[in-house]
Protein backbone atom coordinates (compact mmCIF):
# COMPACT_ATOMS: atom_id res chain seq x y z
CA GLN A 1 1.14 11.35 9.30
CA ASP A 2 2.26 13.85 6.72
CA ASP A 3 4.42 13.68 3.61
CA VAL A 4 7.80 15.36 4.00
CA LEU A 5 8.00 17.68 1.01
CA PHE A 6 9.23 21.25 0.58
CA ALA A 7 6.08 23.32 0.98
CA HIS A 8 7.13 26.09 -1.43
CA PHE A 9 8.11 23.73 -4.24
CA THR A 10 5.68 23.14 -7.07
CA VAL A 11 5.06 19.53 -8.13
CA VAL A 12 7.42 19.99 -11.09
CA GLU A 13 10.11 21.51 -8.86
CA ALA A 14 9.85 18.72 -6.29
CA LEU A 15 10.29 15.97 -8.88
CA THR A 16 12.99 17.91 -10.74
CA PHE A 17 14.91 18.47 -7.50
CA ALA A 18 14.75 14.74 -6.74
CA ALA A 19 15.89 13.93 -10.29
CA ARG A 20 18.89 16.26 -10.06
CA LEU A 21 19.97 14.61 -6.79
CA LYS A 22 19.45 10.99 -7.83
CA LEU A 23 20.16 10.74 -11.56
CA ARG A 24 23.32 11.00 -13.63
CA ILE A 25 21.76 11.55 -17.01
CA PRO A 26 21.57 14.87 -18.95
CA ASP A 27 19.18 17.47 -17.56
CA GLU A 28 17.04 17.28 -20.72
CA GLU A 29 16.43 13.57 -20.15
CA GLN A 30 15.67 14.21 -16.49
CA ASP A 31 13.10 16.86 -17.41
CA LYS A 32 11.48 14.50 -19.90
CA LEU A 33 11.26 11.82 -17.19
CA VAL A 34 9.75 14.26 -14.71
CA PHE A 35 6.90 15.25 -17.05
CA GLN A 36 6.34 11.62 -17.98
CA LEU A 37 5.95 10.77 -14.29
CA ILE A 38 3.60 13.71 -13.74
CA ASN A 39 1.34 12.38 -16.51
CA GLU A 40 1.45 8.82 -15.18
CA LEU A 41 0.60 10.03 -11.68
CA GLY A 42 -2.33 12.09 -12.94
CA LEU A 43 -0.87 15.40 -11.76
CA PRO A 44 -0.69 17.63 -14.89
CA HIS A 45 -3.50 19.87 -13.58
CA VAL A 46 -1.46 20.77 -10.46
CA GLN A 47 2.08 20.51 -11.81
CA ASP A 48 2.71 24.23 -11.35
CA SER A 49 0.95 24.49 -7.98
CA GLN A 50 2.88 24.74 -4.73
CA ILE A 51 2.72 21.63 -2.59
CA GLY A 52 1.82 23.49 0.59
CA SER A 53 2.11 22.37 4.20
CA ILE A 54 -0.03 21.27 7.13
CA ALA A 55 -0.63 24.92 8.03
CA LYS A 56 -1.23 26.04 4.44
CA LYS A 57 -3.17 23.47 2.44
CA ILE A 58 -2.81 23.76 -1.33
CA LEU A 59 -2.68 20.29 -2.88
CA SER A 60 -5.24 17.72 -1.78
CA GLY A 61 -4.14 14.76 0.34
CA GLY A 62 -4.22 12.43 -2.66
CA GLU A 63 -2.18 14.82 -4.80
CA ARG A 64 0.44 15.12 -2.05
CA LYS A 65 0.63 11.32 -1.76
CA ARG A 66 1.08 10.93 -5.50
CA THR A 67 3.77 13.62 -5.51
CA SER A 68 5.61 11.78 -2.73
CA ILE A 69 5.40 8.54 -4.69
CA GLY A 70 6.69 10.38 -7.76
CA VAL A 71 9.73 11.62 -5.83
CA GLU A 72 10.62 7.98 -5.13
CA LEU A 73 9.85 6.82 -8.68
CA VAL A 74 12.31 9.31 -10.20
CA SER A 75 15.18 6.85 -9.71
CA ASP A 76 13.12 4.02 -11.27
CA PRO A 77 13.44 1.58 -8.33
CA SER A 78 12.45 -2.03 -8.85
CA LEU A 79 11.22 -2.29 -5.22
CA ILE A 80 9.02 0.36 -3.59
CA LEU A 81 8.31 0.27 0.16
CA LEU A 82 5.37 2.32 1.41
CA ASP A 83 4.15 2.86 4.96
CA GLU A 84 0.38 3.38 4.98
CA PRO A 85 0.19 5.46 1.76
CA THR A 86 -3.58 5.87 2.15
CA SER A 87 -3.64 7.19 5.74
CA GLY A 88 -5.63 10.40 6.09
CA LEU A 89 -7.36 10.03 2.71
CA ASP A 90 -11.04 9.51 2.01
CA SER A 91 -12.09 6.20 0.45
CA PHE A 92 -12.12 7.55 -3.12
CA LYS A 93 -8.61 8.99 -2.91
CA ALA A 94 -7.33 5.89 -1.10
CA ARG A 95 -8.74 3.73 -3.88
CA SER A 96 -7.01 5.87 -6.52
CA ILE A 97 -3.67 5.44 -4.71
CA CYS A 98 -4.16 1.64 -4.58
CA LYS A 99 -5.02 1.62 -8.29
CA LEU A 100 -1.89 3.65 -9.05
CA LEU A 101 0.29 1.21 -7.12
CA HIS A 102 -1.44 -1.74 -8.79
CA ASP A 103 -0.77 -0.24 -12.23
CA LEU A 104 2.88 0.36 -11.34
CA ALA A 105 3.22 -3.30 -10.43
CA ARG A 106 1.37 -4.69 -13.44
CA LYS A 107 2.44 -2.28 -16.16
CA LYS A 108 5.89 -1.19 -14.95
CA GLY A 109 7.03 -4.45 -13.33
CA LYS A 110 7.56 -2.83 -9.93
CA THR A 111 7.45 -4.80 -6.70
CA ILE A 112 5.24 -2.82 -4.32
CA LEU A 113 5.38 -3.70 -0.62
CA SER A 114 3.08 -1.68 1.60
CA THR A 115 1.36 -1.61 4.94
CA ILE A 116 -2.20 -0.40 4.53
CA HIS A 117 -4.65 1.38 6.82
CA SER A 118 -8.33 0.31 6.76
CA PRO A 119 -8.70 -0.21 2.99
CA SER A 120 -12.17 -0.15 1.49
CA SER A 121 -13.43 -3.23 -0.34
CA GLU A 122 -12.70 -1.47 -3.66
CA ALA A 123 -9.13 -0.71 -2.58
CA PHE A 124 -8.69 -4.29 -1.38
CA PHE A 125 -9.55 -5.46 -4.91
CA TYR A 126 -6.17 -4.12 -6.13
CA PHE A 127 -4.06 -6.30 -3.79
CA ASP A 128 -2.28 -9.25 -5.39
CA ARG A 129 -0.70 -10.87 -2.36
CA LEU A 130 -1.49 -10.41 1.29
CA ILE A 131 0.26 -10.91 4.63
CA LEU A 132 -1.92 -10.92 7.74
CA MET A 133 -0.54 -10.83 11.27
CA ALA A 134 -1.99 -11.32 14.74
CA ASP A 135 -0.13 -10.78 18.01
CA GLY A 136 3.11 -10.32 16.04
CA PHE A 137 2.83 -13.62 14.16
CA THR A 138 2.03 -14.22 10.50
CA VAL A 139 -1.27 -16.07 10.18
CA PHE A 140 -1.81 -15.82 6.42
CA GLN A 141 0.44 -15.24 3.44
CA GLY A 142 -0.72 -15.77 -0.09
CA ASP A 143 -3.09 -14.72 -2.84
CA ALA A 144 -5.35 -11.93 -1.58
CA GLY A 145 -8.24 -13.35 -3.59
CA GLU A 146 -8.02 -16.63 -1.67
CA SER A 147 -7.78 -15.10 1.80
CA MET A 148 -11.50 -15.15 2.63
CA GLU A 149 -11.90 -18.77 1.54
CA TYR A 150 -8.90 -19.70 3.68
CA PHE A 151 -10.63 -18.37 6.78
CA ARG A 152 -13.80 -20.21 5.82
CA THR A 153 -11.80 -23.46 5.82
CA LEU A 154 -10.73 -22.60 9.38
CA LYS A 155 -14.43 -22.49 10.37
CA PHE A 156 -14.57 -18.72 10.87
CA ASN A 157 -17.96 -17.16 10.20
CA VAL A 158 -17.23 -15.08 7.09
CA PRO A 159 -20.21 -12.85 6.18
CA ARG A 160 -21.17 -12.52 2.55
CA ARG A 161 -20.61 -9.19 0.80
CA CYS A 162 -18.45 -7.85 3.61
CA ASN A 163 -15.27 -5.81 3.24
CA PRO A 164 -12.44 -8.37 3.64
CA ALA A 165 -10.25 -5.82 5.44
CA ASP A 166 -12.97 -5.11 8.01
CA PHE A 167 -13.45 -8.85 8.57
CA PHE A 168 -9.71 -9.41 9.08
CA MET A 169 -9.43 -6.49 11.51
CA LYS A 170 -12.28 -7.94 13.55
CA VAL A 171 -11.24 -11.59 13.56
CA LEU A 172 -7.52 -10.93 14.14
CA SER A 173 -7.93 -8.38 16.92
CA ILE A 174 -6.55 -9.49 20.29
CA LYS A 175 -7.55 -8.18 23.71
CA TYR A 176 -4.71 -7.38 26.11
CA PRO A 177 -4.12 -8.87 28.56
CA LYS A 178 -5.02 -11.93 26.47
CA GLN A 179 -8.01 -13.98 27.52
CA ALA A 180 -8.48 -17.73 27.10
CA ASP A 181 -10.46 -17.26 23.87
CA ASP A 182 -7.66 -15.09 22.44
CA GLU A 183 -5.07 -17.78 23.21
CA GLU A 184 -7.28 -20.44 21.67
CA LYS A 185 -7.80 -18.37 18.51
CA LEU A 186 -4.09 -17.64 18.15
CA THR A 187 -3.18 -21.30 18.59
CA HIS A 188 -5.74 -22.26 15.95
CA LEU A 189 -4.45 -19.63 13.49
CA ASN A 190 -0.77 -20.41 14.08
CA ASN A 191 -1.23 -24.17 13.75
CA ALA A 192 -3.20 -23.72 10.53
CA TYR A 193 -0.56 -21.41 9.08
CA ARG A 194 2.29 -23.80 9.98
CA PHE A 195 0.35 -26.64 8.35
CA GLN A 196 0.01 -24.59 5.15
CA ILE A 197 3.72 -23.79 5.13
CA ASP A 198 4.69 -27.44 5.69
CA LYS A 199 2.31 -28.44 2.91
CA ARG A 200 3.91 -25.96 0.48
CA ILE A 201 7.41 -27.18 1.38
CA GLN A 202 6.39 -30.77 0.65
CA VAL A 203 4.90 -29.77 -2.71
CA ASP A 204 8.05 -27.82 -3.65
CA ASN A 205 10.25 -30.78 -2.74
């Protein structure tokens, strides 16, 4: 996966170009917004650097990701959808992206909805709510901080001090063609999830 950005644009030019296309406010206000975003994204040190391409690397992977996010933030959307924004990044850079998105949600009031690829335990810390799926079905939806305890209540062996994301990947993986133990696990997870949903509906009513 690679971010689709004009390779010969600098960071400032990429955000300014997006602002000119999306906004209907005076250019001076657009320019002020662009530099404000650059500061918030932690990109002042590369603002005049070309973005580069797959063939010609200039910005780091994390800087390219933040620039891509900035291009979307120019129009000040209330909802931001991201498809694996940490793919291809090392754990430190992936964590910084998760922190950035967390800060946008908490400090700017944005709703951030994202798929995520193999987050570290530190990156997982920044999630507020979590949706887990297995075999195409939702098996958990709720507070990320309560997800591990939920699986303990379902009698899964949850190791202490493990990365929650690694545990979920392991326990929710399904072999194809499905074996009897896979079917049994899916039935158990689906029944438990339906019970939780029914319980919430009763409480709300």
